[in-house]
Protein backbone atom coordinates (compact mmCIF):
# COMPACT_ATOMS: atom_id res chain seq x y z
CA MET A 1 -9.07 1.20 -6.11
CA THR A 2 -7.59 -2.25 -6.53
CA ALA A 3 -7.45 -2.77 -2.75
CA LEU A 4 -11.14 -1.91 -2.44
CA ILE A 5 -12.16 -4.05 -5.41
CA GLY A 6 -9.81 -6.91 -4.51
CA GLY A 7 -10.98 -6.93 -0.91
CA LEU A 8 -14.62 -6.99 -1.94
CA ALA A 9 -13.86 -9.79 -4.41
CA LEU A 10 -12.26 -11.85 -1.63
CA VAL A 11 -15.31 -11.34 0.59
CA LEU A 12 -17.72 -12.17 -2.24
CA GLY A 13 -15.74 -15.31 -3.10
CA SER A 14 -15.91 -16.36 0.56
CA VAL A 15 -19.65 -15.77 0.83
CA ASP A 16 -20.74 -17.27 -2.48
CA PRO A 17 -18.94 -20.53 -3.37
CA THR A 18 -19.86 -20.18 -7.06
CA PHE A 19 -17.46 -17.24 -7.30
CA ALA A 20 -14.76 -18.73 -5.09
CA MET A 21 -12.72 -20.42 -7.81
CA ALA A 22 -12.91 -17.44 -10.16
CA ILE A 23 -12.00 -14.56 -7.82
CA THR A 24 -10.19 -15.95 -4.79
CA PRO A 25 -6.78 -17.58 -4.49
CA PRO A 26 -6.62 -21.27 -3.61
CA ALA A 27 -7.80 -22.08 -0.07
CA GLU A 28 -4.49 -23.88 0.57
CA TYR A 29 -2.81 -20.47 0.81
CA LEU A 30 -4.64 -20.01 4.12
CA ASP A 31 -3.16 -23.19 5.64
CA GLY A 32 -1.11 -22.22 8.68
CA SER A 33 -2.70 -18.77 8.91
CA TRP A 34 -5.31 -17.48 11.35
CA PHE A 35 -8.04 -17.56 8.71
CA ASP A 36 -10.49 -20.22 7.53
CA SER A 37 -11.69 -18.16 4.55
CA TYR A 38 -10.78 -15.02 2.66
CA ALA A 39 -13.64 -13.01 4.24
CA ALA A 40 -11.59 -11.40 7.03
CA PRO A 41 -8.52 -10.71 4.86
CA GLY A 42 -10.85 -9.26 2.22
CA LEU A 43 -12.43 -6.93 4.77
CA VAL A 44 -8.99 -5.82 5.99
CA LEU A 45 -7.78 -5.29 2.43
CA ALA A 46 -10.84 -3.26 1.44
CA GLY A 47 -11.40 -1.47 4.74
CA VAL A 48 -7.93 -0.78 6.07
CA VAL A 49 -5.66 -0.76 3.02
CA GLY A 50 -8.17 0.54 0.49
CA GLY A 51 -9.89 2.80 3.02
CA LEU A 52 -6.65 4.47 4.09
CA GLN A 53 -5.61 4.96 0.47
CA ALA A 54 -9.00 6.53 -0.36
CA LEU A 55 -8.90 8.79 2.72
CA ALA A 56 -5.35 9.89 1.95
CA PHE A 57 -6.38 10.70 -1.62
CA VAL A 58 -9.34 12.80 -0.48
CA PHE A 59 -7.25 14.58 2.18
CA LEU A 60 -4.61 15.43 -0.43
CA LEU A 61 -7.20 16.71 -2.90
CA ARG A 62 -8.72 18.95 -0.22
CA ALA A 63 -5.31 20.02 1.14
CA ARG A 64 -6.24 18.96 4.68
CA PRO A 65 -3.63 19.39 7.42
CA LEU A 66 -3.50 15.63 8.03
CA ALA A 67 -2.99 14.77 4.34
CA THR A 68 0.69 13.94 4.72
CA PHE A 69 0.06 11.85 7.84
CA MET A 70 -2.77 9.96 6.13
CA SER A 71 -0.57 9.35 3.09
CA ALA A 72 2.19 7.95 5.31
CA MET A 73 -0.32 5.66 7.05
CA ALA A 74 -1.67 4.48 3.69
CA ALA A 75 1.84 3.79 2.39
CA TYR A 76 2.81 1.82 5.49
CA ALA A 77 -0.48 -0.09 5.36
CA ILE A 78 0.16 -1.36 1.84
CA LEU A 79 3.80 -2.19 2.67
CA VAL A 80 2.76 -4.17 5.76
CA TRP A 81 -0.06 -5.89 3.83
CA ILE A 82 2.28 -6.99 1.05
CA PHE A 83 5.02 -8.05 3.47
CA VAL A 84 2.60 -10.26 5.43
CA GLN A 85 1.15 -11.59 2.18
CA MET A 86 4.63 -12.51 0.92
CA VAL A 87 5.28 -14.44 4.15
CA LEU A 88 2.00 -16.38 4.00
CA ILE A 89 1.41 -17.12 0.32
CA PRO A 90 3.59 -17.94 -2.70
CA PHE A 91 5.25 -15.02 -4.48
CA SER A 92 3.39 -13.24 -7.26
CA TRP A 93 4.70 -10.47 -9.50
CA LEU A 94 1.76 -8.34 -8.31
CA GLN A 95 3.24 -8.39 -4.81
CA ALA A 96 6.40 -6.80 -6.18
CA VAL A 97 4.36 -4.20 -8.08
CA TYR A 98 2.31 -3.21 -5.02
CA PHE A 99 5.37 -3.21 -2.76
CA ALA A 100 7.10 -0.86 -5.21
CA ALA A 101 3.97 1.32 -5.34
CA GLY A 102 3.90 1.53 -1.54
CA ALA A 103 7.61 2.37 -1.39
CA PHE A 104 7.10 5.04 -4.06
CA GLU A 105 4.16 6.48 -2.13
CA LEU A 106 6.26 6.59 1.04
CA GLY A 107 9.05 8.29 -0.93
CA LEU A 108 6.58 10.96 -2.07
CA VAL A 109 5.55 11.50 1.55
CA LEU A 110 9.20 11.98 2.49
CA LEU A 111 9.53 14.53 -0.32
CA LEU A 112 6.42 16.37 0.92
CA LEU A 113 7.95 16.52 4.38
CA GLY A 114 11.22 17.83 2.99
CA LEU A 115 13.14 14.83 4.32
CA LEU A 116 14.45 13.83 0.91
CA ARG A 117 16.41 16.54 -0.84
CA ARG A 118 18.90 16.77 -3.61
CA PRO A 119 22.46 16.86 -2.36
CA ALA A 120 23.91 20.36 -2.26
CA ARG A 121 26.00 21.18 -5.30
CA PRO A 122 29.58 22.08 -4.56
CA ARG A 123 30.34 25.72 -5.10
CA SER A 124 32.58 26.60 -7.99
CA GLY A 125 36.09 28.01 -7.37
CA ALA A 126 35.05 31.58 -8.27
CA ALA A 127 32.05 31.46 -5.94
CA ARG A 128 34.24 30.19 -3.09
CA ALA A 129 36.85 32.89 -3.62
CA SER A 130 34.26 35.69 -3.40
CA ALA A 131 32.59 34.21 -0.32
């Protein structure tokens, strides 16, 4: 939800200058990037990051066969988004929160796939003797 809302806020702030100071980061953050305004990053945030998260959520609710794949894509999308953001703009505690959320989401995907398991417990002496 925050990716959709945040992306739309970035686009709105780029389109209407009266909102720019209230809902968009400083324009100086874009210096040295490919962007002149926050419109394109806002569309990517809402469409790609938020869209993939929303699709993954719906697929999981409906138990679709591609639910795990969509969840992995959504998790990687937020991790890539935050990584790029951390390279281009000054650090914010929200970046750490969203990076942790993406890593947690990816961890849940790995659990769903059975790739993360508890380590096997060593057998007790009596169980070994009878085996």
